[in-house]
Amino acid sequence: MSDQRTIRVTLVRSPIGYTQDQRATVQALGLRKMHASVVHKETPQIRGMVNKVIHLLQVEEVDPESATE
């Protein structure tokens, strides 16, 4: 078993009207459309990206077995 946590990130607010680097961060997370979700391992790099645009996202922890949706 891996000791890394897994998070599901969902885009709940549009990045339109925010700075270019915040829009690029949303795209780098793999979020292209509203209410789209992606699953990432929680690494310092991913956590930093999420923290930068947390006002646009919903983040929830998921167990790795159910993360393969």
C-alpha atoms as a PDB file:
ATOM      1  CA  MET A   1       0.000   0.000   0.000  1.00  0.00           C
ATOM      2  CA  SER A   2       1.104   3.517  -0.710  1.00  0.00           C
ATOM      3  CA  ASP A   3       1.331   5.957   2.161  1.00  0.00           C
ATOM      4  CA  GLN A   4       0.475   8.921  -0.094  1.00  0.00           C
ATOM      5  CA  ARG A   5      -2.997  10.380   0.120  1.00  0.00           C
ATOM      6  CA  THR A   6      -5.165  10.855  -2.937  1.00  0.00           C
ATOM      7  CA  ILE A   7      -7.333  13.919  -3.536  1.00  0.00           C
ATOM      8  CA  ARG A   8     -10.161  14.649  -5.964  1.00  0.00           C
ATOM      9  CA  VAL A   9     -10.121  18.217  -7.283  1.00  0.00           C
ATOM     10  CA  THR A  10     -13.291  19.667  -8.859  1.00  0.00           C
ATOM     11  CA  LEU A  11     -13.562  23.007 -10.665  1.00  0.00           C
ATOM     12  CA  VAL A  12     -16.586  24.770  -9.149  1.00  0.00           C
ATOM     13  CA  ARG A  13     -15.948  28.388 -10.208  1.00  0.00           C
ATOM     14  CA  SER A  14     -14.864  29.682 -13.583  1.00  0.00           C
ATOM     15  CA  PRO A  15     -11.303  30.997 -13.936  1.00  0.00           C
ATOM     16  CA  ILE A  16     -12.557  33.694 -16.337  1.00  0.00           C
ATOM     17  CA  GLY A  17     -11.695  37.085 -14.909  1.00  0.00           C
ATOM     18  CA  TYR A  18      -8.721  35.813 -12.918  1.00  0.00           C
ATOM     19  CA  THR A  19      -5.061  36.252 -13.770  1.00  0.00           C
ATOM     20  CA  GLN A  20      -3.369  34.300 -16.542  1.00  0.00           C
ATOM     21  CA  ASP A  21      -1.198  32.336 -14.105  1.00  0.00           C
ATOM     22  CA  GLN A  22      -4.272  31.197 -12.157  1.00  0.00           C
ATOM     23  CA  ARG A  23      -5.956  30.049 -15.384  1.00  0.00           C
ATOM     24  CA  ALA A  24      -2.767  28.224 -16.350  1.00  0.00           C
ATOM     25  CA  THR A  25      -2.666  26.535 -12.938  1.00  0.00           C
ATOM     26  CA  VAL A  26      -6.246  25.292 -13.371  1.00  0.00           C
ATOM     27  CA  GLN A  27      -5.332  23.866 -16.780  1.00  0.00           C
ATOM     28  CA  ALA A  28      -2.128  22.310 -15.413  1.00  0.00           C
ATOM     29  CA  LEU A  29      -4.237  20.483 -12.835  1.00  0.00           C
ATOM     30  CA  GLY A  30      -6.096  18.920 -15.760  1.00  0.00           C
ATOM     31  CA  LEU A  31      -9.342  20.834 -15.320  1.00  0.00           C
ATOM     32  CA  ARG A  32     -10.823  21.980 -18.614  1.00  0.00           C
ATOM     33  CA  LYS A  33     -14.557  22.376 -17.934  1.00  0.00           C
ATOM     34  CA  MET A  34     -16.775  23.441 -15.071  1.00  0.00           C
ATOM     35  CA  HIS A  35     -17.633  20.659 -12.595  1.00  0.00           C
ATOM     36  CA  ALA A  36     -14.937  18.418 -14.056  1.00  0.00           C
ATOM     37  CA  SER A  37     -12.989  16.352 -11.527  1.00  0.00           C
ATOM     38  CA  VAL A  38      -9.493  14.912 -11.573  1.00  0.00           C
ATOM     39  CA  VAL A  39      -7.736  12.668  -9.087  1.00  0.00           C
ATOM     40  CA  HIS A  40      -4.153  13.413  -8.050  1.00  0.00           C
ATOM     41  CA  LYS A  41      -1.725  12.017  -5.526  1.00  0.00           C
ATOM     42  CA  GLU A  42      -1.174  14.630  -2.851  1.00  0.00           C
ATOM     43  CA  THR A  43       2.374  15.833  -3.410  1.00  0.00           C
ATOM     44  CA  PRO A  44       3.871  19.174  -2.378  1.00  0.00           C
ATOM     45  CA  GLN A  45       3.695  20.315  -6.013  1.00  0.00           C
ATOM     46  CA  ILE A  46       0.006  19.458  -6.419  1.00  0.00           C
ATOM     47  CA  ARG A  47      -0.826  20.907  -2.992  1.00  0.00           C
ATOM     48  CA  GLY A  48       0.872  24.188  -3.965  1.00  0.00           C
ATOM     49  CA  MET A  49      -1.089  24.371  -7.210  1.00  0.00           C
ATOM     50  CA  VAL A  50      -4.339  23.670  -5.371  1.00  0.00           C
ATOM     51  CA  ASN A  51      -3.579  26.317  -2.735  1.00  0.00           C
ATOM     52  CA  LYS A  52      -2.968  28.900  -5.459  1.00  0.00           C
ATOM     53  CA  VAL A  53      -6.482  28.500  -6.898  1.00  0.00           C
ATOM     54  CA  ILE A  54      -8.360  27.104  -3.877  1.00  0.00           C
ATOM     55  CA  HIS A  55     -11.062  29.773  -4.335  1.00  0.00           C
ATOM     56  CA  LEU A  56     -12.029  28.069  -7.630  1.00  0.00           C
ATOM     57  CA  LEU A  57     -11.910  24.453  -6.462  1.00  0.00           C
ATOM     58  CA  GLN A  58     -13.528  21.867  -4.263  1.00  0.00           C
ATOM     59  CA  VAL A  59     -11.012  19.418  -2.807  1.00  0.00           C
ATOM     60  CA  GLU A  60     -11.846  16.125  -1.121  1.00  0.00           C
ATOM     61  CA  GLU A  61      -9.747  13.215   0.018  1.00  0.00           C
ATOM     62  CA  VAL A  62     -10.565   9.864  -1.553  1.00  0.00           C
ATOM     63  CA  ASP A  63      -9.336   6.380  -0.885  1.00  0.00           C
ATOM     64  CA  PRO A  64      -6.992   5.092  -3.616  1.00  0.00           C
ATOM     65  CA  GLU A  65      -9.184   2.085  -4.465  1.00  0.00           C
ATOM     66  CA  SER A  66     -12.113   4.281  -5.529  1.00  0.00           C
ATOM     67  CA  ALA A  67      -9.881   6.882  -7.234  1.00  0.00           C
ATOM     68  CA  THR A  68      -9.866   5.017 -10.558  1.00  0.00           C
ATOM     69  CA  GLU A  69     -13.082   6.510 -11.866  1.00  0.00           C
END
